[in-house]
Amino acid sequence: ILAATGVAALLAILLSILITNWTTQPVRRLSDAIQSFRKS
């Protein structure tokens, strides 16, 4: 049971990281663009 739970938890964690990365990607791009615009 622990082995199965660990695998399921690991997969869920990886999925949450991917979803978070996909969700925040536009915000990061906008932030990077604003930062580069300020520097140039």
Full PDB file with SEQRES, HELIX, SHEET, SSBOND, CRYST1, ORIGX, SCALE, CONECT and MASTER records, all heavy atoms in Angstrom:
SEQRES   1 A   40  ILE LEU ALA ALA THR GLY VAL ALA ALA LEU LEU ALA ILE          
SEQRES   2 A   40  LEU LEU SER ILE LEU ILE THR ASN TRP THR THR GLN PRO          
SEQRES   3 A   40  VAL ARG ARG LEU SER ASP ALA ILE GLN SER PHE ARG LYS          
SEQRES   4 A   40  SER                                                          
HELIX    1 AA1 LEU A    2  LYS A   39  1                                  38    
CRYST1    1.000    1.000    1.000  90.00  90.00  90.00 P 1           1          
ORIGX1      1.000000  0.000000  0.000000        0.00000                         
ORIGX2      0.000000  1.000000  0.000000        0.00000                         
ORIGX3      0.000000  0.000000  1.000000        0.00000                         
SCALE1      1.000000  0.000000  0.000000        0.00000                         
SCALE2      0.000000  1.000000  0.000000        0.00000                         
SCALE3      0.000000  0.000000  1.000000        0.00000                         
ATOM      1  N   ILE A   1       0.842  -1.213   0.000  1.00  0.00           N  
ATOM      2  CA  ILE A   1       0.000   0.000   0.000  1.00  0.00           C  
ATOM      3  C   ILE A   1       0.867   1.248   0.000  1.00  0.00           C  
ATOM      4  O   ILE A   1       0.608   2.214  -0.727  1.00  0.00           O  
ATOM      5  CB  ILE A   1      -0.945  -0.016   1.212  1.00  0.00           C  
ATOM      6  CG1 ILE A   1      -1.969  -1.143   1.068  1.00  0.00           C  
ATOM      7  CG2 ILE A   1      -1.661   1.323   1.365  1.00  0.00           C  
ATOM      8  CD1 ILE A   1      -2.791  -1.377   2.294  1.00  0.00           C  
ATOM      9  N   LEU A   2       1.909   1.268   0.837  1.00  0.00           N  
ATOM     10  CA  LEU A   2       2.804   2.431   0.897  1.00  0.00           C  
ATOM     11  C   LEU A   2       3.485   2.661  -0.433  1.00  0.00           C  
ATOM     12  O   LEU A   2       3.651   3.814  -0.869  1.00  0.00           O  
ATOM     13  CB  LEU A   2       3.833   2.233   2.007  1.00  0.00           C  
ATOM     14  CG  LEU A   2       3.318   2.347   3.437  1.00  0.00           C  
ATOM     15  CD1 LEU A   2       4.403   1.986   4.438  1.00  0.00           C  
ATOM     16  CD2 LEU A   2       2.819   3.769   3.715  1.00  0.00           C  
ATOM     17  N   ALA A   3       3.896   1.575  -1.092  1.00  0.00           N  
ATOM     18  CA  ALA A   3       4.543   1.727  -2.396  1.00  0.00           C  
ATOM     19  C   ALA A   3       3.576   2.340  -3.398  1.00  0.00           C  
ATOM     20  O   ALA A   3       3.932   3.271  -4.140  1.00  0.00           O  
ATOM     21  CB  ALA A   3       5.054   0.363  -2.883  1.00  0.00           C  
ATOM     22  N   ALA A   4       2.343   1.802  -3.410  1.00  0.00           N  
ATOM     23  CA  ALA A   4       1.353   2.340  -4.343  1.00  0.00           C  
ATOM     24  C   ALA A   4       1.024   3.798  -4.026  1.00  0.00           C  
ATOM     25  O   ALA A   4       0.880   4.645  -4.916  1.00  0.00           O  
ATOM     26  CB  ALA A   4       0.090   1.487  -4.299  1.00  0.00           C  
ATOM     27  N   THR A   5       0.920   4.092  -2.727  1.00  0.00           N  
ATOM     28  CA  THR A   5       0.626   5.473  -2.321  1.00  0.00           C  
ATOM     29  C   THR A   5       1.751   6.415  -2.703  1.00  0.00           C  
ATOM     30  O   THR A   5       1.522   7.536  -3.171  1.00  0.00           O  
ATOM     31  CB  THR A   5       0.397   5.532  -0.806  1.00  0.00           C  
ATOM     32  OG1 THR A   5      -0.671   4.650  -0.453  1.00  0.00           O  
ATOM     33  CG2 THR A   5       0.059   6.938  -0.353  1.00  0.00           C  
ATOM     34  N   GLY A   6       2.997   5.972  -2.498  1.00  0.00           N  
ATOM     35  CA  GLY A   6       4.133   6.810  -2.859  1.00  0.00           C  
ATOM     36  C   GLY A   6       4.178   7.112  -4.339  1.00  0.00           C  
ATOM     37  O   GLY A   6       4.435   8.253  -4.755  1.00  0.00           O  
ATOM     38  N   VAL A   7       3.939   6.084  -5.165  1.00  0.00           N  
ATOM     39  CA  VAL A   7       3.938   6.300  -6.614  1.00  0.00           C  
ATOM     40  C   VAL A   7       2.823   7.268  -7.004  1.00  0.00           C  
ATOM     41  O   VAL A   7       3.027   8.199  -7.806  1.00  0.00           O  
ATOM     42  CB  VAL A   7       3.785   4.949  -7.347  1.00  0.00           C  
ATOM     43  CG1 VAL A   7       3.576   5.175  -8.836  1.00  0.00           C  
ATOM     44  CG2 VAL A   7       5.005   4.066  -7.112  1.00  0.00           C  
ATOM     45  N   ALA A   8       1.610   7.060  -6.446  1.00  0.00           N  
ATOM     46  CA  ALA A   8       0.489   7.942  -6.777  1.00  0.00           C  
ATOM     47  C   ALA A   8       0.757   9.372  -6.335  1.00  0.00           C  
ATOM     48  O   ALA A   8       0.459  10.324  -7.060  1.00  0.00           O  
ATOM     49  CB  ALA A   8      -0.790   7.416  -6.126  1.00  0.00           C  
ATOM     50  N   ALA A   9       1.343   9.521  -5.132  1.00  0.00           N  
ATOM     51  CA  ALA A   9       1.651  10.865  -4.632  1.00  0.00           C  
ATOM     52  C   ALA A   9       2.700  11.537  -5.501  1.00  0.00           C  
ATOM     53  O   ALA A   9       2.612  12.734  -5.798  1.00  0.00           O  
ATOM     54  CB  ALA A   9       2.124  10.784  -3.178  1.00  0.00           C  
ATOM     55  N   LEU A  10       3.717  10.767  -5.904  1.00  0.00           N  
ATOM     56  CA  LEU A  10       4.766  11.336  -6.746  1.00  0.00           C  
ATOM     57  C   LEU A  10       4.195  11.808  -8.081  1.00  0.00           C  
ATOM     58  O   LEU A  10       4.510  12.910  -8.557  1.00  0.00           O  
ATOM     59  CB  LEU A  10       5.862  10.291  -6.969  1.00  0.00           C  
ATOM     60  CG  LEU A  10       7.064  10.746  -7.811  1.00  0.00           C  
ATOM     61  CD1 LEU A  10       7.765  11.931  -7.153  1.00  0.00           C  
ATOM     62  CD2 LEU A  10       8.050   9.588  -8.015  1.00  0.00           C  
ATOM     63  N   LEU A  11       3.330  10.968  -8.675  1.00  0.00           N  
ATOM     64  CA  LEU A  11       2.717  11.366  -9.936  1.00  0.00           C  
ATOM     65  C   LEU A  11       1.843  12.610  -9.759  1.00  0.00           C  
ATOM     66  O   LEU A  11       1.841  13.512 -10.605  1.00  0.00           O  
ATOM     67  CB  LEU A  11       1.872  10.206 -10.484  1.00  0.00           C  
ATOM     68  CG  LEU A  11       2.654   8.970 -10.986  1.00  0.00           C  
ATOM     69  CD1 LEU A  11       1.693   7.860 -11.368  1.00  0.00           C  
ATOM     70  CD2 LEU A  11       3.557   9.340 -12.163  1.00  0.00           C  
ATOM     71  N   ALA A  12       1.083  12.663  -8.635  1.00  0.00           N  
ATOM     72  CA  ALA A  12       0.235  13.827  -8.385  1.00  0.00           C  
ATOM     73  C   ALA A  12       1.061  15.085  -8.180  1.00  0.00           C  
ATOM     74  O   ALA A  12       0.699  16.169  -8.655  1.00  0.00           O  
ATOM     75  CB  ALA A  12      -0.652  13.567  -7.169  1.00  0.00           C  
ATOM     76  N   ILE A  13       2.207  14.943  -7.492  1.00  0.00           N  
ATOM     77  CA  ILE A  13       3.083  16.096  -7.268  1.00  0.00           C  
ATOM     78  C   ILE A  13       3.647  16.606  -8.583  1.00  0.00           C  
ATOM     79  O   ILE A  13       3.688  17.815  -8.849  1.00  0.00           O  
ATOM     80  CB  ILE A  13       4.198  15.733  -6.277  1.00  0.00           C  
ATOM     81  CG1 ILE A  13       3.599  15.534  -4.866  1.00  0.00           C  
ATOM     82  CG2 ILE A  13       5.274  16.799  -6.237  1.00  0.00           C  
ATOM     83  CD1 ILE A  13       4.566  14.957  -3.874  1.00  0.00           C  
ATOM     84  N   LEU A  14       4.117  15.668  -9.408  1.00  0.00           N  
ATOM     85  CA  LEU A  14       4.645  16.075 -10.710  1.00  0.00           C  
ATOM     86  C   LEU A  14       3.571  16.763 -11.548  1.00  0.00           C  
ATOM     87  O   LEU A  14       3.833  17.781 -12.217  1.00  0.00           O  
ATOM     88  CB  LEU A  14       5.179  14.835 -11.445  1.00  0.00           C  
ATOM     89  CG  LEU A  14       6.453  14.200 -10.855  1.00  0.00           C  
ATOM     90  CD1 LEU A  14       6.788  12.907 -11.595  1.00  0.00           C  
ATOM     91  CD2 LEU A  14       7.630  15.179 -10.922  1.00  0.00           C  
ATOM     92  N   LEU A  15       2.341  16.224 -11.499  1.00  0.00           N  
ATOM     93  CA  LEU A  15       1.248  16.825 -12.251  1.00  0.00           C  
ATOM     94  C   LEU A  15       0.932  18.231 -11.745  1.00  0.00           C  
ATOM     95  O   LEU A  15       0.697  19.156 -12.536  1.00  0.00           O  
ATOM     96  CB  LEU A  15       0.002  15.934 -12.153  1.00  0.00           C  
ATOM     97  CG  LEU A  15      -1.226  16.397 -12.952  1.00  0.00           C  
ATOM     98  CD1 LEU A  15      -0.893  16.460 -14.444  1.00  0.00           C  
ATOM     99  CD2 LEU A  15      -2.400  15.469 -12.692  1.00  0.00           C  
ATOM    100  N   SER A  16       0.944  18.420 -10.430  1.00  0.00           N  
ATOM    101  CA  SER A  16       0.668  19.750  -9.873  1.00  0.00           C  
ATOM    102  C   SER A  16       1.755  20.742 -10.250  1.00  0.00           C  
ATOM    103  O   SER A  16       1.475  21.909 -10.533  1.00  0.00           O  
ATOM    104  CB  SER A  16       0.532  19.664  -8.349  1.00  0.00           C  
ATOM    105  OG  SER A  16       1.763  19.311  -7.749  1.00  0.00           O  
ATOM    106  N   ILE A  17       3.010  20.269 -10.291  1.00  0.00           N  
ATOM    107  CA  ILE A  17       4.100  21.168 -10.692  1.00  0.00           C  
ATOM    108  C   ILE A  17       3.933  21.575 -12.148  1.00  0.00           C  
ATOM    109  O   ILE A  17       4.112  22.745 -12.516  1.00  0.00           O  
ATOM    110  CB  ILE A  17       5.451  20.481 -10.452  1.00  0.00           C  
ATOM    111  CG1 ILE A  17       5.695  20.328  -8.934  1.00  0.00           C  
ATOM    112  CG2 ILE A  17       6.589  21.288 -11.079  1.00  0.00           C  
ATOM    113  CD1 ILE A  17       6.928  19.538  -8.595  1.00  0.00           C  
ATOM    114  N   LEU A  18       3.584  20.593 -13.001  1.00  0.00           N  
ATOM    115  CA  LEU A  18       3.386  20.900 -14.418  1.00  0.00           C  
ATOM    116  C   LEU A  18       2.230  21.884 -14.608  1.00  0.00           C  
ATOM    117  O   LEU A  18       2.327  22.834 -15.401  1.00  0.00           O  
ATOM    118  CB  LEU A  18       3.115  19.605 -15.191  1.00  0.00           C  
ATOM    119  CG  LEU A  18       4.303  18.649 -15.354  1.00  0.00           C  
ATOM    120  CD1 LEU A  18       3.849  17.354 -16.003  1.00  0.00           C  
ATOM    121  CD2 LEU A  18       5.425  19.296 -16.157  1.00  0.00           C  
ATOM    122  N   ILE A  19       1.125  21.652 -13.880  1.00  0.00           N  
ATOM    123  CA  ILE A  19      -0.031  22.552 -14.006  1.00  0.00           C  
ATOM    124  C   ILE A  19       0.328  23.955 -13.521  1.00  0.00           C  
ATOM    125  O   ILE A  19      -0.036  24.969 -14.143  1.00  0.00           O  
ATOM    126  CB  ILE A  19      -1.233  21.988 -13.227  1.00  0.00           C  
ATOM    127  CG1 ILE A  19      -1.723  20.700 -13.894  1.00  0.00           C  
ATOM    128  CG2 ILE A  19      -2.364  23.005 -13.153  1.00  0.00           C  
ATOM    129  CD1 ILE A  19      -2.797  19.977 -13.121  1.00  0.00           C  
ATOM    130  N   THR A  20       1.052  24.028 -12.396  1.00  0.00           N  
ATOM    131  CA  THR A  20       1.467  25.337 -11.874  1.00  0.00           C  
ATOM    132  C   THR A  20       2.365  26.057 -12.857  1.00  0.00           C  
ATOM    133  O   THR A  20       2.226  27.261 -13.105  1.00  0.00           O  
ATOM    134  CB  THR A  20       2.180  25.152 -10.523  1.00  0.00           C  
ATOM    135  OG1 THR A  20       1.309  24.499  -9.606  1.00  0.00           O  
ATOM    136  CG2 THR A  20       2.600  26.488  -9.942  1.00  0.00           C  
ATOM    137  N   ASN A  21       3.331  25.311 -13.434  1.00  0.00           N  
ATOM    138  CA  ASN A  21       4.249  25.906 -14.400  1.00  0.00           C  
ATOM    139  C   ASN A  21       3.485  26.407 -15.622  1.00  0.00           C  
ATOM    140  O   ASN A  21       3.727  27.512 -16.130  1.00  0.00           O  
ATOM    141  CB  ASN A  21       5.301  24.875 -14.801  1.00  0.00           C  
ATOM    142  CG  ASN A  21       6.333  25.460 -15.758  1.00  0.00           C  
ATOM    143  OD1 ASN A  21       7.085  26.369 -15.401  1.00  0.00           O  
ATOM    144  ND2 ASN A  21       6.357  24.953 -16.982  1.00  0.00           N  
ATOM    145  N   TRP A  22       2.521  25.603 -16.085  1.00  0.00           N  
ATOM    146  CA  TRP A  22       1.734  25.999 -17.255  1.00  0.00           C  
ATOM    147  C   TRP A  22       0.854  27.224 -16.951  1.00  0.00           C  
ATOM    148  O   TRP A  22       0.678  28.107 -17.770  1.00  0.00           O  
ATOM    149  CB  TRP A  22       0.867  24.812 -17.685  1.00  0.00           C  
ATOM    150  CG  TRP A  22      -0.058  25.135 -18.817  1.00  0.00           C  
ATOM    151  CD1 TRP A  22       0.252  25.297 -20.131  1.00  0.00           C  
ATOM    152  CD2 TRP A  22      -1.464  25.355 -18.708  1.00  0.00           C  
ATOM    153  NE1 TRP A  22      -0.855  25.589 -20.870  1.00  0.00           N  
ATOM    154  CE2 TRP A  22      -1.953  25.641 -20.013  1.00  0.00           C  
ATOM    155  CE3 TRP A  22      -2.371  25.323 -17.653  1.00  0.00           C  
ATOM    156  CZ2 TRP A  22      -3.291  25.899 -20.274  1.00  0.00           C  
ATOM    157  CZ3 TRP A  22      -3.697  25.581 -17.925  1.00  0.00           C  
ATOM    158  CH2 TRP A  22      -4.147  25.868 -19.215  1.00  0.00           C  
ATOM    159  N   THR A  23       0.329  27.258 -15.729  1.00  0.00           N  
ATOM    160  CA  THR A  23      -0.542  28.377 -15.345  1.00  0.00           C  
ATOM    161  C   THR A  23       0.235  29.676 -15.187  1.00  0.00           C  
ATOM    162  O   THR A  23      -0.248  30.751 -15.564  1.00  0.00           O  
ATOM    163  CB  THR A  23      -1.264  28.042 -14.027  1.00  0.00           C  
ATOM    164  OG1 THR A  23      -1.977  26.818 -14.177  1.00  0.00           O  
ATOM    165  CG2 THR A  23      -2.233  29.143 -13.636  1.00  0.00           C  
ATOM    166  N   THR A  24       1.414  29.609 -14.605  1.00  0.00           N  
ATOM    167  CA  THR A  24       2.181  30.831 -14.309  1.00  0.00           C  
ATOM    168  C   THR A  24       3.092  31.258 -15.448  1.00  0.00           C  
ATOM    169  O   THR A  24       3.730  32.309 -15.352  1.00  0.00           O  
ATOM    170  CB  THR A  24       3.028  30.615 -13.048  1.00  0.00           C  
ATOM    171  OG1 THR A  24       3.914  29.494 -13.261  1.00  0.00           O  
ATOM    172  CG2 THR A  24       2.151  30.333 -11.846  1.00  0.00           C  
ATOM    173  N   GLN A  25       3.179  30.464 -16.501  1.00  0.00           N  
ATOM    174  CA  GLN A  25       4.092  30.792 -17.590  1.00  0.00           C  
ATOM    175  C   GLN A  25       3.788  32.152 -18.227  1.00  0.00           C  
ATOM    176  O   GLN A  25       4.697  32.956 -18.441  1.00  0.00           O  
ATOM    177  CB  GLN A  25       4.067  29.687 -18.644  1.00  0.00           C  
ATOM    178  CG  GLN A  25       5.139  29.850 -19.715  1.00  0.00           C  
ATOM    179  CD  GLN A  25       5.142  28.674 -20.679  1.00  0.00           C  
ATOM    180  OE1 GLN A  25       4.234  27.867 -20.675  1.00  0.00           O  
ATOM    181  NE2 GLN A  25       6.179  28.592 -21.508  1.00  0.00           N  
ATOM    182  N   PRO A  26       2.484  32.476 -18.507  1.00  0.00           N  
ATOM    183  CA  PRO A  26       2.226  33.810 -19.086  1.00  0.00           C  
ATOM    184  C   PRO A  26       2.628  34.942 -18.162  1.00  0.00           C  
ATOM    185  O   PRO A  26       3.132  35.973 -18.620  1.00  0.00           O  
ATOM    186  CB  PRO A  26       0.714  33.794 -19.335  1.00  0.00           C  
ATOM    187  CG  PRO A  26       0.347  32.359 -19.415  1.00  0.00           C  
ATOM    188  CD  PRO A  26       1.267  31.657 -18.481  1.00  0.00           C  
ATOM    189  N   VAL A  27       2.437  34.748 -16.874  1.00  0.00           N  
ATOM    190  CA  VAL A  27       2.807  35.800 -15.921  1.00  0.00           C  
ATOM    191  C   VAL A  27       4.319  35.968 -15.875  1.00  0.00           C  
ATOM    192  O   VAL A  27       4.840  37.090 -15.829  1.00  0.00           O  
ATOM    193  CB  VAL A  27       2.250  35.468 -14.515  1.00  0.00           C  
ATOM    194  CG1 VAL A  27       2.633  36.542 -13.519  1.00  0.00           C  
ATOM    195  CG2 VAL A  27       0.748  35.309 -14.568  1.00  0.00           C  
ATOM    196  N   ARG A  28       5.037  34.858 -15.938  1.00  0.00           N  
ATOM    197  CA  ARG A  28       6.505  34.947 -15.932  1.00  0.00           C  
ATOM    198  C   ARG A  28       7.002  35.643 -17.195  1.00  0.00           C  
ATOM    199  O   ARG A  28       7.925  36.456 -17.149  1.00  0.00           O  
ATOM    200  CB  ARG A  28       7.108  33.555 -15.828  1.00  0.00           C  
ATOM    201  CG  ARG A  28       6.865  32.878 -14.483  1.00  0.00           C  
ATOM    202  CD  ARG A  28       7.870  31.746 -14.246  1.00  0.00           C  
ATOM    203  NE  ARG A  28       7.848  30.777 -15.340  1.00  0.00           N  
ATOM    204  CZ  ARG A  28       7.040  29.727 -15.388  1.00  0.00           C  
ATOM    205  NH1 ARG A  28       6.170  29.555 -14.396  1.00  0.00           N  
ATOM    206  NH2 ARG A  28       7.086  28.879 -16.403  1.00  0.00           N  
ATOM    207  N   ARG A  29       6.384  35.295 -18.320  1.00  0.00           N  
ATOM    208  CA  ARG A  29       6.787  35.938 -19.568  1.00  0.00           C  
ATOM    209  C   ARG A  29       6.535  37.443 -19.501  1.00  0.00           C  
ATOM    210  O   ARG A  29       7.374  38.251 -19.928  1.00  0.00           O  
ATOM    211  CB  ARG A  29       6.014  35.330 -20.726  1.00  0.00           C  
ATOM    212  CG  ARG A  29       6.468  33.919 -21.090  1.00  0.00           C  
ATOM    213  CD  ARG A  29       5.619  33.386 -22.232  1.00  0.00           C  
ATOM    214  NE  ARG A  29       6.017  32.041 -22.590  1.00  0.00           N  
ATOM    215  CZ  ARG A  29       5.384  31.294 -23.500  1.00  0.00           C  
ATOM    216  NH1 ARG A  29       4.315  31.786 -24.127  1.00  0.00           N  
ATOM    217  NH2 ARG A  29       5.819  30.072 -23.780  1.00  0.00           N  
ATOM    218  N   LEU A  30       5.372  37.823 -18.974  1.00  0.00           N  
ATOM    219  CA  LEU A  30       5.068  39.258 -18.853  1.00  0.00           C  
ATOM    220  C   LEU A  30       6.050  39.929 -17.907  1.00  0.00           C  
ATOM    221  O   LEU A  30       6.540  41.032 -18.175  1.00  0.00           O  
ATOM    222  CB  LEU A  30       3.624  39.441 -18.355  1.00  0.00           C  
ATOM    223  CG  LEU A  30       3.153  40.882 -18.149  1.00  0.00           C  
ATOM    224  CD1 LEU A  30       3.220  41.661 -19.453  1.00  0.00           C  
ATOM    225  CD2 LEU A  30       1.735  40.900 -17.592  1.00  0.00           C  
ATOM    226  N   SER A  31       6.375  39.260 -16.795  1.00  0.00           N  
ATOM    227  CA  SER A  31       7.327  39.823 -15.839  1.00  0.00           C  
ATOM    228  C   SER A  31       8.706  39.979 -16.470  1.00  0.00           C  
ATOM    229  O   SER A  31       9.375  41.010 -16.305  1.00  0.00           O  
ATOM    230  CB  SER A  31       7.413  38.917 -14.609  1.00  0.00           C  
ATOM    231  OG  SER A  31       8.372  39.400 -13.715  1.00  0.00           O  
ATOM    232  N   ASP A  32       9.156  38.947 -17.223  1.00  0.00           N  
ATOM    233  CA  ASP A  32      10.468  39.030 -17.879  1.00  0.00           C  
ATOM    234  C   ASP A  32      10.494  40.149 -18.907  1.00  0.00           C  
ATOM    235  O   ASP A  32      11.482  40.888 -19.037  1.00  0.00           O  
ATOM    236  CB  ASP A  32      10.797  37.701 -18.554  1.00  0.00           C  
ATOM    237  CG  ASP A  32      11.010  36.585 -17.534  1.00  0.00           C  
ATOM    238  OD1 ASP A  32      11.288  36.918 -16.353  1.00  0.00           O  
ATOM    239  OD2 ASP A  32      10.877  35.401 -17.898  1.00  0.00           O  
ATOM    240  N   ALA A  33       9.401  40.264 -19.661  1.00  0.00           N  
ATOM    241  CA  ALA A  33       9.343  41.326 -20.674  1.00  0.00           C  
ATOM    242  C   ALA A  33       9.416  42.702 -20.024  1.00  0.00           C  
ATOM    243  O   ALA A  33      10.103  43.596 -20.511  1.00  0.00           O  
ATOM    244  CB  ALA A  33       8.071  41.187 -21.491  1.00  0.00           C  
ATOM    245  N   ILE A  34       8.688  42.866 -18.887  1.00  0.00           N  
ATOM    246  CA  ILE A  34       8.717  44.166 -18.196  1.00  0.00           C  
ATOM    247  C   ILE A  34      10.106  44.455 -17.652  1.00  0.00           C  
ATOM    248  O   ILE A  34      10.620  45.571 -17.746  1.00  0.00           O  
ATOM    249  CB  ILE A  34       7.666  44.193 -17.078  1.00  0.00           C  
ATOM    250  CG1 ILE A  34       6.248  44.155 -17.697  1.00  0.00           C  
ATOM    251  CG2 ILE A  34       7.805  45.445 -16.217  1.00  0.00           C  
ATOM    252  CD1 ILE A  34       5.149  44.018 -16.673  1.00  0.00           C  
ATOM    253  N   GLN A  35      10.762  43.409 -17.090  1.00  0.00           N  
ATOM    254  CA  GLN A  35      12.112  43.594 -16.555  1.00  0.00           C  
ATOM    255  C   GLN A  35      13.091  43.977 -17.666  1.00  0.00           C  
ATOM    256  O   GLN A  35      13.919  44.883 -17.493  1.00  0.00           O  
ATOM    257  CB  GLN A  35      12.576  42.308 -15.863  1.00  0.00           C  
ATOM    258  CG  GLN A  35      11.824  41.982 -14.579  1.00  0.00           C  
ATOM    259  CD  GLN A  35      12.116  42.988 -13.488  1.00  0.00           C  
ATOM    260  OE1 GLN A  35      13.152  43.660 -13.483  1.00  0.00           O  
ATOM    261  NE2 GLN A  35      11.176  43.120 -12.541  1.00  0.00           N  
ATOM    262  N   SER A  36      13.007  43.279 -18.800  1.00  0.00           N  
ATOM    263  CA  SER A  36      13.916  43.599 -19.905  1.00  0.00           C  
ATOM    264  C   SER A  36      13.630  44.977 -20.478  1.00  0.00           C  
ATOM    265  O   SER A  36      14.529  45.693 -20.906  1.00  0.00           O  
ATOM    266  CB  SER A  36      13.810  42.529 -20.998  1.00  0.00           C  
ATOM    267  OG  SER A  36      12.482  42.511 -21.525  1.00  0.00           O  
ATOM    268  N   PHE A  37      12.341  45.362 -20.461  1.00  0.00           N  
ATOM    269  CA  PHE A  37      11.993  46.689 -20.973  1.00  0.00           C  
ATOM    270  C   PHE A  37      12.565  47.782 -20.080  1.00  0.00           C  
ATOM    271  O   PHE A  37      13.016  48.818 -20.549  1.00  0.00           O  
ATOM    272  CB  PHE A  37      10.476  46.804 -21.074  1.00  0.00           C  
ATOM    273  CG  PHE A  37      10.012  48.181 -21.480  1.00  0.00           C  
ATOM    274  CD1 PHE A  37      10.126  48.608 -22.799  1.00  0.00           C  
ATOM    275  CD2 PHE A  37       9.446  49.038 -20.542  1.00  0.00           C  
ATOM    276  CE1 PHE A  37       9.713  49.869 -23.170  1.00  0.00           C  
ATOM    277  CE2 PHE A  37       9.031  50.299 -20.924  1.00  0.00           C  
ATOM    278  CZ  PHE A  37       9.158  50.715 -22.229  1.00  0.00           C  
ATOM    279  N   ARG A  38      12.566  47.525 -18.781  1.00  0.00           N  
ATOM    280  CA  ARG A  38      13.130  48.516 -17.851  1.00  0.00           C  
ATOM    281  C   ARG A  38      14.641  48.662 -18.033  1.00  0.00           C  
ATOM    282  O   ARG A  38      15.192  49.740 -17.869  1.00  0.00           O  
ATOM    283  CB  ARG A  38      12.823  48.113 -16.409  1.00  0.00           C  
ATOM    284  CG  ARG A  38      11.358  48.309 -16.024  1.00  0.00           C  
ATOM    285  CD  ARG A  38      11.132  47.864 -14.604  1.00  0.00           C  
ATOM    286  NE  ARG A  38       9.750  48.088 -14.177  1.00  0.00           N  
ATOM    287  CZ  ARG A  38       9.260  47.721 -13.005  1.00  0.00           C  
ATOM    288  NH1 ARG A  38      10.046  47.077 -12.140  1.00  0.00           N  
ATOM    289  NH2 ARG A  38       7.996  47.956 -12.691  1.00  0.00           N  
ATOM    290  N   LYS A  39      15.336  47.537 -18.346  1.00  0.00           N  
ATOM    291  CA  LYS A  39      16.802  47.559 -18.438  1.00  0.00           C  
ATOM    292  C   LYS A  39      17.295  48.199 -19.739  1.00  0.00           C  
ATOM    293  O   LYS A  39      18.402  48.704 -19.800  1.00  0.00           O  
ATOM    294  CB  LYS A  39      17.352  46.142 -18.316  1.00  0.00           C  
ATOM    295  CG  LYS A  39      17.169  45.557 -16.921  1.00  0.00           C  
ATOM    296  CD  LYS A  39      17.715  44.139 -16.868  1.00  0.00           C  
ATOM    297  CE  LYS A  39      17.520  43.540 -15.471  1.00  0.00           C  
ATOM    298  NZ  LYS A  39      18.007  42.143 -15.388  1.00  0.00           N  
ATOM    299  N   SER A  40      16.492  48.108 -20.771  1.00  0.00           N  
ATOM    300  CA  SER A  40      16.917  48.647 -22.071  1.00  0.00           C  
ATOM    301  C   SER A  40      16.266  49.997 -22.325  1.00  0.00           C  
ATOM    302  O   SER A  40      15.174  50.260 -21.868  1.00  0.00           O  
ATOM    303  CB  SER A  40      16.567  47.669 -23.184  1.00  0.00           C  
ATOM    304  OG  SER A  40      15.171  47.486 -23.244  1.00  0.00           O  
TER     305      SER A  40                                                      
MASTER        0    0    0    1    0    0    0    6  304    1    0    4          
END                                                                             
